[in-house]
N, C-alpha and C. Protein backbone atom coordinates (compact mmCIF):
# COMPACT_ATOMS: atom_id res chain seq x y z
N UNK A 1 62.79 5.00 187.44
CA UNK A 1 64.34 4.94 186.98
C UNK A 1 65.31 5.35 188.31
N UNK A 2 66.76 5.22 188.17
CA UNK A 2 67.18 5.27 189.02
C UNK A 2 68.04 6.71 188.61
N UNK A 3 68.65 7.16 189.95
CA UNK A 3 69.44 8.83 189.69
C UNK A 3 71.07 8.57 188.59
N UNK A 4 71.26 7.32 188.02
CA UNK A 4 72.31 7.16 187.13
C UNK A 4 71.74 6.96 185.71
N UNK A 5 70.42 6.83 185.83
CA UNK A 5 69.81 6.59 184.57
C UNK A 5 69.57 7.61 184.02
N UNK A 6 68.75 8.93 184.94
CA UNK A 6 68.02 9.66 184.99
C UNK A 6 69.36 10.45 184.19
N UNK A 7 70.50 10.84 185.24
CA UNK A 7 71.52 11.58 184.49
C UNK A 7 71.93 11.34 183.42
N UNK A 8 72.12 10.03 182.80
CA UNK A 8 72.63 9.74 181.59
C UNK A 8 71.52 10.23 180.70
N UNK A 9 70.35 9.90 180.77
CA UNK A 9 68.91 10.31 179.87
C UNK A 9 68.90 11.75 179.96
N UNK A 10 69.30 12.50 180.68
CA UNK A 10 69.35 13.86 180.82
C UNK A 10 70.28 14.18 179.53
N UNK A 11 71.43 14.15 180.04
CA UNK A 11 72.79 14.58 179.94
C UNK A 11 73.24 14.05 178.07
N UNK A 12 72.81 12.71 177.99
CA UNK A 12 73.35 12.01 176.56
C UNK A 12 73.23 12.94 175.52
N UNK A 13 71.08 13.41 175.59
CA UNK A 13 70.88 14.17 174.56
C UNK A 13 71.76 15.50 174.03
N UNK A 14 71.98 16.38 174.95
CA UNK A 14 72.73 17.38 175.26
C UNK A 14 74.23 17.01 174.49
N UNK A 15 74.51 16.17 175.20
CA UNK A 15 75.74 15.60 174.24
C UNK A 15 76.03 15.08 172.61
N UNK A 16 74.47 14.51 172.31
CA UNK A 16 74.93 14.21 171.04
C UNK A 16 74.42 15.33 170.50
N UNK A 17 73.70 16.40 170.45
CA UNK A 17 73.07 17.77 169.94
C UNK A 17 74.83 18.26 169.85
N UNK A 18 75.42 18.46 171.04
CA UNK A 18 76.96 19.32 171.01
C UNK A 18 77.33 18.59 170.17
N UNK A 19 77.62 17.02 170.20
CA UNK A 19 78.83 16.42 168.99
C UNK A 19 78.27 17.10 168.22
N UNK A 20 77.19 16.87 167.00
CA UNK A 20 76.98 17.15 165.93
C UNK A 20 77.28 18.65 165.71
N UNK A 21 77.19 19.53 166.70
CA UNK A 21 77.53 20.86 166.72
C UNK A 21 79.05 20.88 166.51
N UNK A 22 79.80 19.99 167.62
CA UNK A 22 81.19 20.13 167.03
C UNK A 22 81.68 19.23 165.14
N UNK A 23 81.30 18.76 164.76
CA UNK A 23 81.58 17.62 163.88
C UNK A 23 80.87 18.93 162.38
N UNK A 24 79.78 19.58 162.73
CA UNK A 24 79.47 20.63 161.67
C UNK A 24 80.36 21.84 161.76
N UNK A 25 80.72 21.84 163.07
CA UNK A 25 81.96 23.48 163.16
C UNK A 25 82.96 22.71 162.63
N UNK A 26 83.49 21.91 162.79
CA UNK A 26 84.51 21.50 162.18
C UNK A 26 84.86 21.38 160.84
N UNK A 27 83.73 20.82 159.94
CA UNK A 27 83.49 20.94 158.25
C UNK A 27 83.30 21.97 158.00
N UNK A 28 82.57 22.90 158.22
CA UNK A 28 82.30 24.26 157.81
C UNK A 28 83.67 24.90 157.95
N UNK A 29 84.53 25.22 159.15
CA UNK A 29 85.65 25.56 159.20
C UNK A 29 86.62 25.04 157.96
N UNK A 30 86.51 24.23 157.56
CA UNK A 30 87.31 23.63 156.35
C UNK A 30 86.82 24.19 155.14
N UNK A 31 85.95 24.46 154.91
CA UNK A 31 85.19 24.83 153.32
C UNK A 31 85.12 26.36 153.13
N UNK A 32 84.77 27.09 154.21
CA UNK A 32 84.67 28.86 154.08
C UNK A 32 86.01 29.35 153.72
N UNK A 33 85.75 30.53 153.08
CA UNK A 33 87.46 30.82 152.35
C UNK A 33 87.86 32.26 153.18
N UNK A 34 86.38 32.43 153.95
CA UNK A 34 87.10 34.05 154.95
C UNK A 34 87.73 32.81 156.20
N UNK A 35 89.13 33.54 155.88
CA UNK A 35 89.78 32.78 157.64
C UNK A 35 89.47 33.43 158.77
N UNK A 36 89.19 34.28 159.36
CA UNK A 36 88.24 35.14 160.37
C UNK A 36 87.36 34.13 160.57
N UNK A 37 86.43 33.72 159.62
CA UNK A 37 85.19 33.14 160.01
C UNK A 37 85.55 31.35 160.18
N UNK A 38 86.59 31.02 159.24
CA UNK A 38 87.38 29.87 160.00
C UNK A 38 87.33 29.62 161.32
N UNK A 39 87.95 30.79 161.83
CA UNK A 39 88.67 30.29 163.24
C UNK A 39 87.51 30.70 163.85
N UNK A 40 86.83 31.16 163.74
CA UNK A 40 85.35 31.30 164.55
C UNK A 40 84.83 30.24 164.76
N UNK A 41 84.50 29.64 163.54
CA UNK A 41 84.09 28.16 163.66
C UNK A 41 84.63 27.47 164.36
N UNK A 42 86.20 27.15 164.25
CA UNK A 42 87.15 26.36 164.97
C UNK A 42 87.19 26.62 166.58
N UNK A 43 86.85 27.81 166.67
CA UNK A 43 86.55 28.22 168.50
C UNK A 43 85.29 27.52 168.79
N UNK A 44 84.77 28.08 168.10
CA UNK A 44 83.23 27.08 168.78
C UNK A 44 83.33 25.61 168.51
N UNK A 45 83.89 24.87 167.59
CA UNK A 45 83.89 23.58 167.43
C UNK A 45 84.77 23.00 169.01
N UNK A 46 85.69 23.87 169.07
CA UNK A 46 86.15 23.58 170.86
C UNK A 46 85.16 23.30 171.64
N UNK A 47 84.68 24.57 172.08
CA UNK A 47 83.83 24.76 172.71
C UNK A 47 82.61 23.89 173.11
N UNK A 48 82.00 23.23 171.58
CA UNK A 48 81.69 22.08 171.91
C UNK A 48 81.81 20.65 172.30
N UNK A 49 83.22 20.83 172.02
CA UNK A 49 84.08 19.24 172.34
C UNK A 49 84.21 19.55 174.01
N UNK A 50 83.90 20.87 174.39
CA UNK A 50 84.81 21.30 175.75
C UNK A 50 82.85 20.38 176.41
N UNK A 51 82.20 21.07 176.02
CA UNK A 51 80.43 20.48 176.68
C UNK A 51 80.56 19.08 176.60
N UNK A 52 80.99 18.57 175.61
CA UNK A 52 80.98 17.10 175.07
C UNK A 52 81.89 16.50 176.26
N UNK A 53 82.63 16.66 176.41
CA UNK A 53 83.76 16.15 177.60
C UNK A 53 83.46 16.42 178.87
N UNK A 54 82.74 17.36 178.99
CA UNK A 54 82.13 18.16 180.64
C UNK A 54 81.08 17.27 180.85
N UNK A 55 79.60 17.06 179.91
CA UNK A 55 78.86 16.13 179.82
C UNK A 55 79.07 14.58 180.04
N UNK A 56 80.18 14.35 179.62
CA UNK A 56 80.80 12.93 179.67
C UNK A 56 81.55 12.64 180.74
N UNK A 57 81.89 13.15 181.39
CA UNK A 57 82.61 12.67 182.61
C UNK A 57 81.33 13.02 183.76
N UNK A 58 80.42 14.01 183.53
CA UNK A 58 79.22 13.76 184.14
C UNK A 58 78.37 12.38 184.83
N UNK A 59 78.31 12.25 182.88
CA UNK A 59 77.39 10.92 182.85
C UNK A 59 78.26 9.78 183.35
N UNK A 60 79.80 9.53 183.50
CA UNK A 60 80.55 8.52 184.23
C UNK A 60 80.42 7.86 185.37
N UNK A 61 80.69 9.47 185.84
CA UNK A 61 80.95 9.33 187.42
C UNK A 61 79.91 8.77 188.24
N UNK A 62 78.24 9.32 187.45
CA UNK A 62 76.82 8.50 187.92
C UNK A 62 77.07 7.46 187.51
N UNK A 63 78.00 6.65 186.65
CA UNK A 63 77.54 5.88 185.99
C UNK A 63 77.01 5.34 185.45
N UNK A 64 76.83 5.72 184.78
CA UNK A 64 76.41 5.96 182.92
C UNK A 64 77.33 5.82 182.17
N UNK A 65 77.07 5.82 180.99
CA UNK A 65 77.59 5.66 179.73
C UNK A 65 76.95 6.84 179.09
N UNK A 66 78.71 7.44 178.59
CA UNK A 66 77.68 8.72 177.90
C UNK A 66 78.00 7.95 176.33
N UNK A 67 77.13 9.10 175.53
CA UNK A 67 76.78 9.07 174.47
C UNK A 67 77.81 9.13 173.43
N UNK A 68 78.13 8.40 172.13
CA UNK A 68 79.25 8.67 171.70
C UNK A 68 78.71 8.80 170.21
N UNK A 69 77.64 9.00 169.76
CA UNK A 69 77.51 9.14 168.78
C UNK A 69 76.73 10.76 168.79
N UNK A 70 76.09 11.31 167.05
CA UNK A 70 75.59 12.25 167.19
C UNK A 70 73.91 12.23 166.78
N UNK A 71 73.79 12.87 166.74
CA UNK A 71 71.93 12.55 166.01
C UNK A 71 71.37 12.53 164.88
N UNK A 72 69.98 11.56 164.13
CA UNK A 72 69.91 12.01 163.15
C UNK A 72 69.74 13.20 162.33
N UNK A 73 68.95 13.75 163.41
CA UNK A 73 68.46 15.26 162.90
C UNK A 73 69.58 16.00 162.71
N UNK A 74 70.53 15.95 163.65
CA UNK A 74 72.11 16.77 163.04
C UNK A 74 72.85 16.28 161.92
N UNK A 75 72.69 15.15 161.68
CA UNK A 75 72.98 14.46 160.02
C UNK A 75 73.02 15.21 159.41
N UNK A 76 71.30 15.24 159.11
CA UNK A 76 70.42 16.17 158.36
C UNK A 76 70.49 17.47 157.92
N UNK A 77 70.66 18.06 159.22
CA UNK A 77 70.94 19.14 159.26
C UNK A 77 72.22 19.30 158.47
N UNK A 78 73.64 18.77 158.76
CA UNK A 78 74.93 19.28 157.96
C UNK A 78 74.30 18.68 157.14
N UNK A 79 74.17 17.49 156.57
CA UNK A 79 73.88 17.38 155.46
C UNK A 79 73.10 18.84 154.42
N UNK A 80 72.05 18.95 154.93
CA UNK A 80 71.28 20.06 154.20
C UNK A 80 71.98 21.78 154.06
N UNK A 81 73.14 21.89 155.22
CA UNK A 81 73.90 23.03 155.19
C UNK A 81 75.11 22.94 154.26
N UNK A 82 75.38 21.56 153.67
CA UNK A 82 76.57 21.51 152.82
C UNK A 82 75.59 21.89 151.03
N UNK A 83 74.48 21.38 151.14
CA UNK A 83 73.85 21.35 149.89
C UNK A 83 73.68 23.39 149.77
N UNK A 84 73.03 23.35 150.95
CA UNK A 84 72.72 24.90 150.80
C UNK A 84 74.04 25.89 149.97
N UNK A 85 74.95 25.50 151.12
CA UNK A 85 76.31 25.94 150.50
C UNK A 85 76.53 25.72 149.24
N UNK A 86 76.45 24.91 148.75
CA UNK A 86 77.36 23.82 147.24
C UNK A 86 76.30 24.96 146.38
N UNK A 87 75.07 25.37 146.72
CA UNK A 87 73.97 25.84 145.98
C UNK A 87 74.18 27.24 146.01
N UNK A 88 74.77 27.93 147.04
CA UNK A 88 74.19 29.03 147.01
C UNK A 88 75.49 30.36 147.51
N UNK A 89 75.30 30.95 148.53
CA UNK A 89 76.29 31.85 149.24
C UNK A 89 76.76 30.87 150.23
N UNK A 90 78.39 30.08 150.11
CA UNK A 90 78.85 28.95 150.95
C UNK A 90 79.01 29.78 151.96
N UNK A 91 79.21 30.80 152.70
CA UNK A 91 79.52 31.62 154.30
C UNK A 91 78.02 31.37 154.68
N UNK A 92 76.96 32.06 153.91
CA UNK A 92 75.63 32.59 154.60
C UNK A 92 75.36 30.81 154.58
N UNK A 93 75.16 30.82 153.67
CA UNK A 93 74.83 28.69 153.51
C UNK A 93 75.35 28.38 155.00
N UNK A 94 76.45 28.12 155.01
CA UNK A 94 77.12 27.85 156.89
C UNK A 94 76.22 28.17 157.76
N UNK A 95 76.90 29.59 157.89
CA UNK A 95 76.06 30.10 159.23
C UNK A 95 75.14 29.83 159.56
N UNK A 96 74.05 30.13 158.71
CA UNK A 96 72.28 29.84 158.89
C UNK A 96 72.10 28.67 159.38
N UNK A 97 72.72 27.60 159.00
CA UNK A 97 72.47 26.23 159.35
C UNK A 97 73.31 26.18 161.10
N UNK A 98 74.20 26.66 160.82
CA UNK A 98 74.84 26.29 162.36
C UNK A 98 74.25 27.39 163.18
N UNK A 99 73.85 28.30 162.85
CA UNK A 99 72.50 28.96 163.63
C UNK A 99 71.41 27.89 163.97
N UNK A 100 71.16 27.88 162.88
CA UNK A 100 70.13 26.34 163.23
C UNK A 100 70.97 26.06 164.49
N UNK A 101 71.60 24.78 164.69
CA UNK A 101 72.03 24.05 164.85
C UNK A 101 72.36 24.52 167.08
N UNK A 102 72.72 25.51 166.78
CA UNK A 102 72.86 26.56 168.07
C UNK A 102 71.47 26.83 168.83
N UNK A 103 70.02 26.59 168.00
CA UNK A 103 69.12 26.93 168.53
C UNK A 103 68.55 25.95 169.02
N UNK A 104 68.90 25.02 168.45
CA UNK A 104 68.72 23.46 168.78
C UNK A 104 69.35 23.17 169.94
N UNK A 105 70.50 23.57 170.42
CA UNK A 105 71.31 22.79 171.55
C UNK A 105 70.71 23.70 172.88
N UNK A 106 70.26 25.34 172.40
CA UNK A 106 70.32 26.01 173.70
C UNK A 106 68.87 25.79 173.63
N UNK A 107 68.09 25.05 172.99
CA UNK A 107 66.25 24.71 173.64
C UNK A 107 66.59 23.41 174.21
N UNK A 108 67.28 22.56 173.94
CA UNK A 108 67.28 21.46 174.83
C UNK A 108 68.31 21.95 176.41
N UNK A 109 69.17 22.70 176.20
CA UNK A 109 70.14 22.97 177.65
C UNK A 109 68.94 23.55 178.72
N UNK A 110 67.54 24.34 177.74
CA UNK A 110 67.07 24.86 178.75
C UNK A 110 65.48 24.15 179.16
N UNK A 111 65.38 23.37 177.98
CA UNK A 111 64.76 22.12 178.89
C UNK A 111 65.24 20.68 179.35
N UNK A 112 66.23 20.69 179.55
CA UNK A 112 67.06 19.99 180.58
C UNK A 112 66.59 21.14 181.77
N UNK A 113 67.35 21.86 181.90
CA UNK A 113 67.43 22.83 183.26
C UNK A 113 66.17 22.99 183.51
N UNK A 114 65.04 23.33 182.82
CA UNK A 114 63.74 23.74 183.51
C UNK A 114 63.00 22.50 184.16
N UNK A 115 62.91 21.30 183.57
CA UNK A 115 62.64 19.95 183.99
C UNK A 115 63.00 19.29 185.57
N UNK A 116 61.76 18.99 185.74
CA UNK A 116 62.04 19.10 187.14
C UNK A 116 62.22 17.41 187.27
N UNK A 117 62.16 16.32 186.62
CA UNK A 117 62.55 15.39 187.06
C UNK A 117 64.68 14.91 186.77
N UNK A 118 65.09 16.55 186.06
CA UNK A 118 66.37 16.67 186.08
C UNK A 118 66.95 16.35 187.02
N UNK A 119 67.78 15.29 187.16
CA UNK A 119 68.56 15.05 188.77
C UNK A 119 69.56 16.51 188.94
N UNK A 120 69.55 16.84 190.27
CA UNK A 120 70.42 17.87 190.70
C UNK A 120 72.08 18.12 190.11
N UNK A 121 72.22 16.58 190.05
CA UNK A 121 74.25 16.94 189.48
C UNK A 121 73.83 17.21 188.20
N UNK A 122 72.88 16.35 187.21
CA UNK A 122 72.71 16.78 185.49
C UNK A 122 72.52 18.13 185.38
N UNK A 123 71.07 18.63 186.50
CA UNK A 123 71.17 20.63 186.21
C UNK A 123 72.04 21.07 186.37
N UNK A 124 72.73 20.88 187.29
CA UNK A 124 74.22 21.94 188.04
C UNK A 124 75.22 21.48 186.51
N UNK A 125 75.38 21.22 185.84
CA UNK A 125 76.46 20.82 184.80
C UNK A 125 75.96 21.38 183.99
N UNK A 126 74.64 21.25 183.73
CA UNK A 126 73.79 21.91 182.40
C UNK A 126 73.77 23.85 182.39
N UNK A 127 73.63 23.83 184.27
CA UNK A 127 73.36 25.72 184.17
C UNK A 127 75.13 25.96 183.84
N UNK A 128 76.31 25.00 184.55
CA UNK A 128 76.83 25.54 184.42
C UNK A 128 77.57 26.00 182.97
N UNK A 129 77.39 25.13 181.99
CA UNK A 129 77.62 25.15 180.37
C UNK A 129 76.84 26.13 179.45
N UNK A 130 75.73 26.50 180.32
CA UNK A 130 74.86 27.43 179.56
C UNK A 130 75.41 28.98 179.16
N UNK A 131 76.03 29.52 180.16
CA UNK A 131 76.72 30.61 179.40
C UNK A 131 77.27 30.72 178.52
N UNK A 132 78.32 29.54 178.21
CA UNK A 132 78.73 29.05 176.89
C UNK A 132 77.76 28.98 175.80
N UNK A 133 76.71 28.10 176.15
CA UNK A 133 75.89 27.77 175.12
C UNK A 133 75.66 29.11 174.67
N UNK A 134 74.74 29.75 175.49
CA UNK A 134 74.07 30.75 175.01
C UNK A 134 74.89 32.06 174.27
N UNK A 135 76.24 32.08 174.54
CA UNK A 135 77.29 32.49 173.93
C UNK A 135 77.61 32.38 172.54
N UNK A 136 77.88 31.39 172.46
CA UNK A 136 77.93 30.71 170.91
C UNK A 136 76.62 30.64 170.11
N UNK A 137 75.68 30.59 170.62
CA UNK A 137 74.53 31.04 170.19
C UNK A 137 74.44 32.41 169.68
N UNK A 138 74.37 33.55 170.34
CA UNK A 138 74.35 34.90 170.47
C UNK A 138 75.28 35.35 169.22
N UNK A 139 76.83 34.48 169.23
CA UNK A 139 77.37 34.81 168.24
C UNK A 139 77.39 34.74 166.88
N UNK A 140 76.62 33.42 166.93
CA UNK A 140 75.70 32.91 165.28
C UNK A 140 74.66 33.73 164.95
N UNK A 141 74.05 33.91 165.76
CA UNK A 141 72.73 34.58 165.65
C UNK A 141 73.23 35.94 165.03
N UNK A 142 73.84 36.74 165.87
CA UNK A 142 74.25 38.02 165.21
C UNK A 142 74.97 38.28 164.18
N UNK A 143 75.87 36.67 163.60
CA UNK A 143 76.54 36.88 162.26
C UNK A 143 75.58 36.99 161.43
N UNK A 144 74.69 35.93 161.70
CA UNK A 144 73.61 35.33 160.66
C UNK A 144 72.96 36.62 160.20
N UNK A 145 72.84 37.60 161.09
CA UNK A 145 71.83 38.75 161.00
C UNK A 145 72.86 39.30 159.67
N UNK A 146 74.14 39.85 160.44
CA UNK A 146 74.72 40.78 159.47
C UNK A 146 74.94 40.33 158.38
N UNK A 147 74.94 38.80 158.37
CA UNK A 147 75.44 38.29 156.75
C UNK A 147 74.04 38.79 155.71
N UNK A 148 73.00 38.64 156.24
CA UNK A 148 71.41 38.96 155.47
C UNK A 148 71.28 39.97 155.39
N UNK A 149 71.50 41.17 156.76
CA UNK A 149 71.54 42.81 155.85
C UNK A 149 72.58 42.72 154.85
N UNK A 150 73.44 42.36 154.25
CA UNK A 150 74.77 42.31 153.83
C UNK A 150 74.30 42.18 152.38
N UNK A 151 73.80 40.95 152.37
CA UNK A 151 73.12 39.95 151.21
C UNK A 151 71.40 40.85 150.11
């Protein structure tokens, strides 16, 4: 596999998962009643959009085609989040599922960075974005823990 294909393969998984997160956060922002939480969701959706943009630019610069859609797992997770929110505490339902989404993205970033077959350009871009990925993950993990203790 040539470098362009390796970069495309390595980063398109991250693009798809981040795209899932962007859509899910945007939707959740419109569903929760808490204005502060809605603003947080929109801020994190913006981070996901930035990740998609930067990774897509890296794939395109290498001559590849960036992923244009999310994943099946992300769609199912979003659906489950909607059902969970509809049947119970809307806030906790969305926060719990979004935190799972963050776990998935962080794991994918760590795997891409640690994979010896990841080309240097792809690894460098993933490493540059990792602090933002970790921050979003930690914010949602902490939010979930606070809500869980409050219930």
